[in-house]
């Protein structure tokens, strides 16, 4: 399968939520087919292969489209 991106690394991060608690999220550093390297933050609830893949693919496709302008 030829994806629109390659995951270079994933960092787990925390921040204070708007409601006062702590929330976890994951910063994915990806490289697109066009060579663009970008970071995409994904929430803890979306940190599954089934949910993260379409998010990362869309961001990679958008970045390559902008690069081609």
C-alpha atoms as a PDB file:
ATOM      1  CA  UNK A   1       0.000   0.000   0.000  1.00  0.00           C
ATOM      2  CA  UNK A   2       1.450   3.358  -1.047  1.00  0.00           C
ATOM      3  CA  UNK A   3       0.331   5.939   1.496  1.00  0.00           C
ATOM      4  CA  UNK A   4       0.409   9.703   1.026  1.00  0.00           C
ATOM      5  CA  UNK A   5       2.758  10.026   4.010  1.00  0.00           C
ATOM      6  CA  UNK A   6       5.359   8.310   6.163  1.00  0.00           C
ATOM      7  CA  UNK A   7       5.289   8.696   9.945  1.00  0.00           C
ATOM      8  CA  UNK A   8       8.710   9.841  11.141  1.00  0.00           C
ATOM      9  CA  UNK A   9       7.935   9.984  14.857  1.00  0.00           C
ATOM     10  CA  UNK A  10       5.144  10.236  17.421  1.00  0.00           C
ATOM     11  CA  UNK A  11       5.379  12.236  20.653  1.00  0.00           C
ATOM     12  CA  UNK A  12       2.901  11.945  23.523  1.00  0.00           C
ATOM     13  CA  UNK A  13       2.133  15.362  25.008  1.00  0.00           C
ATOM     14  CA  UNK A  14      -0.116  16.758  27.734  1.00  0.00           C
ATOM     15  CA  UNK A  15      -1.776  20.122  28.205  1.00  0.00           C
ATOM     16  CA  UNK A  16      -4.358  21.718  30.450  1.00  0.00           C
ATOM     17  CA  UNK A  17      -7.832  21.405  29.023  1.00  0.00           C
ATOM     18  CA  UNK A  18     -10.311  24.261  28.882  1.00  0.00           C
ATOM     19  CA  UNK A  19     -12.303  22.567  31.649  1.00  0.00           C
ATOM     20  CA  UNK A  20      -9.329  22.496  34.012  1.00  0.00           C
ATOM     21  CA  UNK A  21      -8.210  18.892  33.654  1.00  0.00           C
ATOM     22  CA  UNK A  22      -5.255  17.412  31.847  1.00  0.00           C
ATOM     23  CA  UNK A  23      -5.621  16.026  28.340  1.00  0.00           C
ATOM     24  CA  UNK A  24      -3.241  13.851  26.378  1.00  0.00           C
ATOM     25  CA  UNK A  25      -2.597  14.169  22.670  1.00  0.00           C
ATOM     26  CA  UNK A  26      -0.144  12.776  20.173  1.00  0.00           C
ATOM     27  CA  UNK A  27       2.000  14.837  17.798  1.00  0.00           C
ATOM     28  CA  UNK A  28       2.797  12.919  14.625  1.00  0.00           C
ATOM     29  CA  UNK A  29       5.671  14.178  12.495  1.00  0.00           C
ATOM     30  CA  UNK A  30       5.064  13.005   8.947  1.00  0.00           C
ATOM     31  CA  UNK A  31       6.762  13.329   5.575  1.00  0.00           C
ATOM     32  CA  UNK A  32       4.522  13.577   2.520  1.00  0.00           C
ATOM     33  CA  UNK A  33       5.134  12.076  -0.921  1.00  0.00           C
ATOM     34  CA  UNK A  34       6.148  15.563  -2.062  1.00  0.00           C
ATOM     35  CA  UNK A  35       8.786  15.803   0.666  1.00  0.00           C
ATOM     36  CA  UNK A  36       7.006  18.176   3.026  1.00  0.00           C
ATOM     37  CA  UNK A  37       7.587  17.489   6.724  1.00  0.00           C
ATOM     38  CA  UNK A  38       4.791  18.577   9.044  1.00  0.00           C
ATOM     39  CA  UNK A  39       3.331  17.910  12.474  1.00  0.00           C
ATOM     40  CA  UNK A  40      -0.230  16.768  13.056  1.00  0.00           C
ATOM     41  CA  UNK A  41      -1.767  16.677  16.546  1.00  0.00           C
ATOM     42  CA  UNK A  42      -4.237  13.872  17.209  1.00  0.00           C
ATOM     43  CA  UNK A  43      -6.353  13.622  20.349  1.00  0.00           C
ATOM     44  CA  UNK A  44      -6.107  10.641  22.679  1.00  0.00           C
ATOM     45  CA  UNK A  45      -9.577   9.422  21.648  1.00  0.00           C
ATOM     46  CA  UNK A  46      -8.524   9.425  17.971  1.00  0.00           C
ATOM     47  CA  UNK A  47      -5.188   7.685  18.612  1.00  0.00           C
ATOM     48  CA  UNK A  48      -6.080   4.435  16.859  1.00  0.00           C
ATOM     49  CA  UNK A  49      -4.915   3.182  13.473  1.00  0.00           C
ATOM     50  CA  UNK A  50      -8.451   3.365  12.058  1.00  0.00           C
ATOM     51  CA  UNK A  51      -9.052   6.970  13.150  1.00  0.00           C
ATOM     52  CA  UNK A  52      -5.552   8.447  12.739  1.00  0.00           C
ATOM     53  CA  UNK A  53      -4.868   7.188   9.194  1.00  0.00           C
ATOM     54  CA  UNK A  54      -7.541   9.303   7.437  1.00  0.00           C
ATOM     55  CA  UNK A  55      -6.536  12.404   9.429  1.00  0.00           C
ATOM     56  CA  UNK A  56      -2.861  12.013   8.508  1.00  0.00           C
ATOM     57  CA  UNK A  57      -3.676  11.190   4.891  1.00  0.00           C
ATOM     58  CA  UNK A  58      -5.829  14.292   4.478  1.00  0.00           C
ATOM     59  CA  UNK A  59      -3.183  16.565   5.981  1.00  0.00           C
ATOM     60  CA  UNK A  60      -0.489  15.042   3.732  1.00  0.00           C
ATOM     61  CA  UNK A  61      -2.652  15.415   0.621  1.00  0.00           C
ATOM     62  CA  UNK A  62      -3.507  19.023   1.519  1.00  0.00           C
ATOM     63  CA  UNK A  63       0.169  19.878   2.083  1.00  0.00           C
ATOM     64  CA  UNK A  64       1.212  18.386  -1.265  1.00  0.00           C
ATOM     65  CA  UNK A  65      -1.613  20.216  -3.039  1.00  0.00           C
ATOM     66  CA  UNK A  66      -0.466  23.527  -1.560  1.00  0.00           C
ATOM     67  CA  UNK A  67       3.158  22.719  -2.412  1.00  0.00           C
ATOM     68  CA  UNK A  68       2.158  22.220  -6.056  1.00  0.00           C
ATOM     69  CA  UNK A  69       0.643  25.737  -6.375  1.00  0.00           C
END
